[in-house]
């Protein structure tokens, strides 16, 4: 809003009062989330906090727009956004850990293994929803939200964001953009039903231009995978 005031001062066009800007924002969010506007106003702090916490909050709405015509994805994205903006009784953590579809998988994992996986302080990698959502954007991969393919490939982002058996081994730059990553999943072997961590192919972002820097990033991800195996006490493959 401060930027809007400055722009209005330069252009000579009167700026709208903040109350009107906020009302318009809540009205638009109410339509998007299919949630009564009064319910959103009572959660003003949560809505503002969410907008500030996301590095590129406009991508949330771009993703919604890309999936608006997809009958399967649209309700999932709306549910996810409601949790982000505090517009529902369930949090993202609730969905990731307590949704029946997730519980079916998680309940098959030994409790001690699952506890180590959820150990935020000591388990290598990250389960940050903001990081998982941005993996394609930072890397310039097919998972990015801004692109010409809309939701052809980035539908997978909802699986990453809403399933707690998914984490990310990651190397960031100085402003928390992803330089290298490997998506990891806590699974069960089909033959022995023993828990195992499966690592997707390592991906180095296009911004890591030199071969030397790419090798260093790969080495850092491999070191994280070794630390993960030691922490989890199960195979990491």
Protein backbone atom coordinates (compact mmCIF):
# COMPACT_ATOMS: atom_id res chain seq x y z
CA UNK A 1 0.00 0.00 0.00
CA UNK A 2 2.92 2.38 0.70
CA UNK A 3 4.14 1.75 -2.86
CA UNK A 4 0.67 2.58 -4.18
CA UNK A 5 0.69 5.87 -2.25
CA UNK A 6 4.08 6.79 -3.69
CA UNK A 7 2.93 5.96 -7.24
CA UNK A 8 -0.21 8.04 -6.76
CA UNK A 9 1.84 10.99 -5.53
CA UNK A 10 4.05 10.86 -8.63
CA UNK A 11 1.17 10.40 -11.10
CA UNK A 12 -1.13 12.92 -9.47
CA UNK A 13 -3.93 10.34 -9.30
CA UNK A 14 -5.58 10.22 -5.86
CA UNK A 15 -4.84 7.04 -3.92
CA UNK A 16 -7.69 4.97 -2.54
CA UNK A 17 -7.97 4.85 1.26
CA UNK A 18 -6.39 1.75 2.76
CA UNK A 19 -9.77 0.60 4.08
CA UNK A 20 -11.14 0.48 0.52
CA UNK A 21 -8.08 -1.37 -0.79
CA UNK A 22 -8.35 -3.90 2.02
CA UNK A 23 -12.09 -4.34 1.50
CA UNK A 24 -11.55 -5.02 -2.20
CA UNK A 25 -8.84 -7.54 -1.36
CA UNK A 26 -11.01 -9.41 1.12
CA UNK A 27 -13.87 -9.39 -1.37
CA UNK A 28 -11.71 -10.94 -4.08
CA UNK A 29 -10.28 -13.50 -1.67
CA UNK A 30 -13.79 -14.40 -0.52
CA UNK A 31 -14.80 -15.24 -4.10
CA UNK A 32 -11.61 -17.19 -4.75
CA UNK A 33 -11.81 -19.27 -1.56
CA UNK A 34 -15.61 -19.59 -1.71
CA UNK A 35 -15.65 -18.36 1.88
CA UNK A 36 -17.88 -15.64 3.42
CA UNK A 37 -16.05 -12.33 3.49
CA UNK A 38 -16.96 -11.78 7.16
CA UNK A 39 -15.21 -15.02 8.06
CA UNK A 40 -12.05 -13.77 6.35
CA UNK A 41 -12.23 -10.42 8.10
CA UNK A 42 -12.26 -12.14 11.47
CA UNK A 43 -8.99 -13.78 10.41
CA UNK A 44 -7.41 -10.57 9.16
CA UNK A 45 -4.13 -11.25 11.00
CA UNK A 46 -3.76 -14.73 9.46
CA UNK A 47 -4.49 -13.41 5.97
CA UNK A 48 -1.96 -10.59 6.27
CA UNK A 49 0.65 -12.92 7.76
CA UNK A 50 0.24 -15.38 4.90
CA UNK A 51 0.70 -12.63 2.30
CA UNK A 52 3.89 -11.49 4.01
CA UNK A 53 5.36 -14.96 4.56
CA UNK A 54 5.23 -16.12 0.93
CA UNK A 55 8.12 -14.87 -1.18
CA UNK A 56 5.92 -14.52 -4.27
CA UNK A 57 2.30 -14.64 -3.04
CA UNK A 58 0.99 -13.76 -6.50
CA UNK A 59 2.03 -17.26 -7.61
CA UNK A 60 -0.58 -18.75 -5.28
CA UNK A 61 -3.30 -17.02 -7.28
CA UNK A 62 -1.65 -17.80 -10.60
CA UNK A 63 -1.64 -21.46 -9.63
CA UNK A 64 -5.31 -21.24 -8.68
CA UNK A 65 -6.10 -19.66 -12.05
CA UNK A 66 -4.20 -22.35 -13.96
CA UNK A 67 -6.22 -25.07 -12.22
CA UNK A 68 -9.59 -23.30 -12.23
CA UNK A 69 -10.94 -25.37 -15.11
CA UNK A 70 -9.64 -28.69 -13.77
CA UNK A 71 -12.50 -30.41 -11.92
CA UNK A 72 -10.12 -32.69 -10.04
CA UNK A 73 -7.56 -30.07 -9.05
CA UNK A 74 -9.75 -27.05 -8.33
CA UNK A 75 -11.22 -28.26 -4.98
CA UNK A 76 -7.79 -29.45 -3.86
CA UNK A 77 -6.18 -26.07 -4.59
CA UNK A 78 -9.03 -24.22 -2.86
CA UNK A 79 -8.67 -26.43 0.22
CA UNK A 80 -4.92 -25.76 0.25
CA UNK A 81 -5.39 -21.99 -0.08
CA UNK A 82 -8.01 -21.94 2.67
CA UNK A 83 -5.51 -23.59 5.00
CA UNK A 84 -2.80 -21.10 4.02
CA UNK A 85 -5.01 -18.07 4.71
CA UNK A 86 -6.56 -19.48 7.88
CA UNK A 87 -9.96 -19.66 6.22
CA UNK A 88 -10.76 -23.19 7.38
CA UNK A 89 -10.64 -25.21 10.58
CA UNK A 90 -7.76 -27.33 9.29
CA UNK A 91 -4.14 -26.27 8.96
CA UNK A 92 -1.66 -27.42 6.34
CA UNK A 93 -0.17 -29.70 8.99
CA UNK A 94 -3.62 -31.22 9.57
CA UNK A 95 -3.99 -32.01 5.87
CA UNK A 96 -0.47 -33.38 5.53
CA UNK A 97 -0.66 -35.64 8.57
CA UNK A 98 -4.33 -36.31 9.30
CA UNK A 99 -6.15 -36.47 5.97
CA UNK A 100 -7.47 -40.05 5.61
CA UNK A 101 -5.71 -40.53 2.28
CA UNK A 102 -2.39 -39.61 3.90
CA UNK A 103 -3.06 -41.56 7.10
CA UNK A 104 -3.47 -44.77 5.09
CA UNK A 105 0.15 -44.49 4.03
CA UNK A 106 1.57 -42.99 7.22
CA UNK A 107 -0.03 -45.62 9.47
CA UNK A 108 2.01 -48.30 7.69
CA UNK A 109 5.28 -46.58 8.64
CA UNK A 110 6.80 -47.68 11.99
CA UNK A 111 6.19 -45.01 14.64
CA UNK A 112 9.88 -44.54 15.48
CA UNK A 113 10.77 -44.03 11.81
CA UNK A 114 7.97 -41.53 11.35
CA UNK A 115 9.05 -39.64 14.47
CA UNK A 116 12.58 -39.25 13.08
CA UNK A 117 11.12 -38.09 9.74
CA UNK A 118 9.07 -35.43 11.52
CA UNK A 119 12.02 -34.28 13.69
CA UNK A 120 12.19 -30.73 12.35
CA UNK A 121 15.39 -29.85 14.21
CA UNK A 122 17.49 -32.86 13.22
CA UNK A 123 16.12 -34.44 10.04
CA UNK A 124 18.17 -33.28 7.03
CA UNK A 125 16.29 -31.44 4.31
CA UNK A 126 13.10 -29.43 4.60
CA UNK A 127 9.35 -29.95 4.57
CA UNK A 128 8.64 -26.24 4.10
CA UNK A 129 5.53 -25.79 1.99
CA UNK A 130 6.88 -22.51 0.63
CA UNK A 131 10.06 -24.23 -0.57
CA UNK A 132 8.23 -27.24 -2.01
CA UNK A 133 5.87 -24.96 -3.92
CA UNK A 134 8.75 -22.95 -5.38
CA UNK A 135 10.98 -25.82 -6.53
CA UNK A 136 10.03 -25.40 -10.18
CA UNK A 137 10.06 -21.60 -10.10
CA UNK A 138 13.58 -21.31 -8.78
CA UNK A 139 14.91 -24.04 -11.04
CA UNK A 140 13.07 -22.97 -14.19
CA UNK A 141 11.79 -26.54 -14.55
CA UNK A 142 8.49 -27.93 -15.85
CA UNK A 143 7.05 -27.55 -12.33
CA UNK A 144 7.16 -23.77 -12.46
CA UNK A 145 3.94 -21.82 -12.11
CA UNK A 146 4.91 -19.06 -14.52
CA UNK A 147 5.15 -20.74 -17.88
CA UNK A 148 3.21 -21.63 -21.01
CA UNK A 149 2.18 -25.14 -19.98
CA UNK A 150 -0.22 -24.05 -17.18
CA UNK A 151 -1.03 -27.10 -15.04
CA UNK A 152 0.15 -29.79 -17.45
CA UNK A 153 3.08 -30.71 -15.19
CA UNK A 154 2.84 -28.53 -12.08
CA UNK A 155 -0.27 -30.35 -10.84
CA UNK A 156 2.32 -32.46 -8.96
CA UNK A 157 3.05 -29.51 -6.66
CA UNK A 158 -0.11 -30.28 -4.68
CA UNK A 159 1.16 -33.77 -3.96
CA UNK A 160 4.41 -32.33 -2.66
CA UNK A 161 2.67 -29.68 -0.54
CA UNK A 162 -0.12 -31.83 0.91
CA UNK A 163 1.65 -35.12 1.67
CA UNK A 164 3.89 -35.26 4.73
CA UNK A 165 5.91 -38.24 3.52
CA UNK A 166 7.51 -35.81 1.05
CA UNK A 167 10.56 -33.70 1.91
CA UNK A 168 13.33 -31.98 -0.01
CA UNK A 169 17.10 -32.17 0.16
CA UNK A 170 18.06 -28.67 -0.90
CA UNK A 171 20.83 -26.11 -1.27
CA UNK A 172 19.79 -22.44 -1.17
CA UNK A 173 21.46 -19.26 -2.34
CA UNK A 174 21.79 -16.18 -0.12
CA UNK A 175 18.14 -15.15 -0.66
CA UNK A 176 16.70 -18.66 -0.15
CA UNK A 177 16.24 -19.55 -3.80
CA UNK A 178 16.75 -23.22 -4.63
CA UNK A 179 20.08 -23.91 -6.33
CA UNK A 180 19.96 -27.71 -6.19
CA UNK A 181 17.43 -30.19 -4.87
CA UNK A 182 16.32 -33.77 -4.71
CA UNK A 183 12.75 -34.60 -3.78
CA UNK A 184 12.61 -37.43 -1.24
CA UNK A 185 9.73 -39.69 -0.14
CA UNK A 186 9.31 -41.97 2.85
CA UNK A 187 7.95 -45.18 1.31
CA UNK A 188 7.63 -48.90 1.92
CA UNK A 189 9.41 -51.52 -0.14
CA UNK A 190 6.90 -53.59 -2.11
CA UNK A 191 8.72 -56.88 -1.39
CA UNK A 192 9.60 -56.61 2.31
CA UNK A 193 7.34 -53.69 3.39
CA UNK A 194 10.37 -52.18 5.12
CA UNK A 195 10.54 -48.36 5.18
CA UNK A 196 12.92 -46.72 2.75
CA UNK A 197 13.62 -43.16 1.64
CA UNK A 198 13.50 -42.79 -2.13
CA UNK A 199 15.38 -39.85 -3.67
CA UNK A 200 14.31 -38.41 -7.00
CA UNK A 201 16.97 -37.45 -9.52
CA UNK A 202 19.10 -34.54 -8.37
CA UNK A 203 18.24 -31.28 -10.13
CA UNK A 204 20.63 -28.33 -10.40
CA UNK A 205 19.07 -24.97 -11.22
CA UNK A 206 19.90 -23.21 -14.46
CA UNK A 207 21.37 -20.30 -12.46
CA UNK A 208 24.24 -22.58 -11.40
CA UNK A 209 26.18 -22.01 -14.59
CA UNK A 210 29.69 -23.34 -14.04
CA UNK A 211 30.57 -27.02 -13.98
CA UNK A 212 32.57 -26.48 -10.80
CA UNK A 213 29.66 -24.93 -8.92
CA UNK A 214 27.35 -27.70 -10.15
CA UNK A 215 29.75 -30.33 -8.81
CA UNK A 216 29.87 -28.57 -5.44
CA UNK A 217 26.07 -28.44 -5.26
CA UNK A 218 25.79 -32.13 -6.15
CA UNK A 219 28.31 -32.95 -3.42
CA UNK A 220 26.29 -30.98 -0.87
CA UNK A 221 23.08 -32.83 -1.76
CA UNK A 222 24.90 -36.17 -1.56
CA UNK A 223 26.24 -35.22 1.87
CA UNK A 224 22.68 -34.43 3.00
CA UNK A 225 21.52 -37.83 1.74
CA UNK A 226 24.25 -39.56 3.76
CA UNK A 227 23.29 -37.55 6.87
CA UNK A 228 19.64 -38.48 6.24
CA UNK A 229 20.47 -42.20 6.14
CA UNK A 230 22.34 -41.89 9.44
CA UNK A 231 19.48 -39.99 11.04
CA UNK A 232 16.65 -42.17 9.74
CA UNK A 233 18.52 -45.49 10.27
CA UNK A 234 16.95 -46.90 7.12
CA UNK A 235 18.08 -47.20 3.51
CA UNK A 236 18.19 -44.03 1.39
CA UNK A 237 18.19 -44.90 -2.29
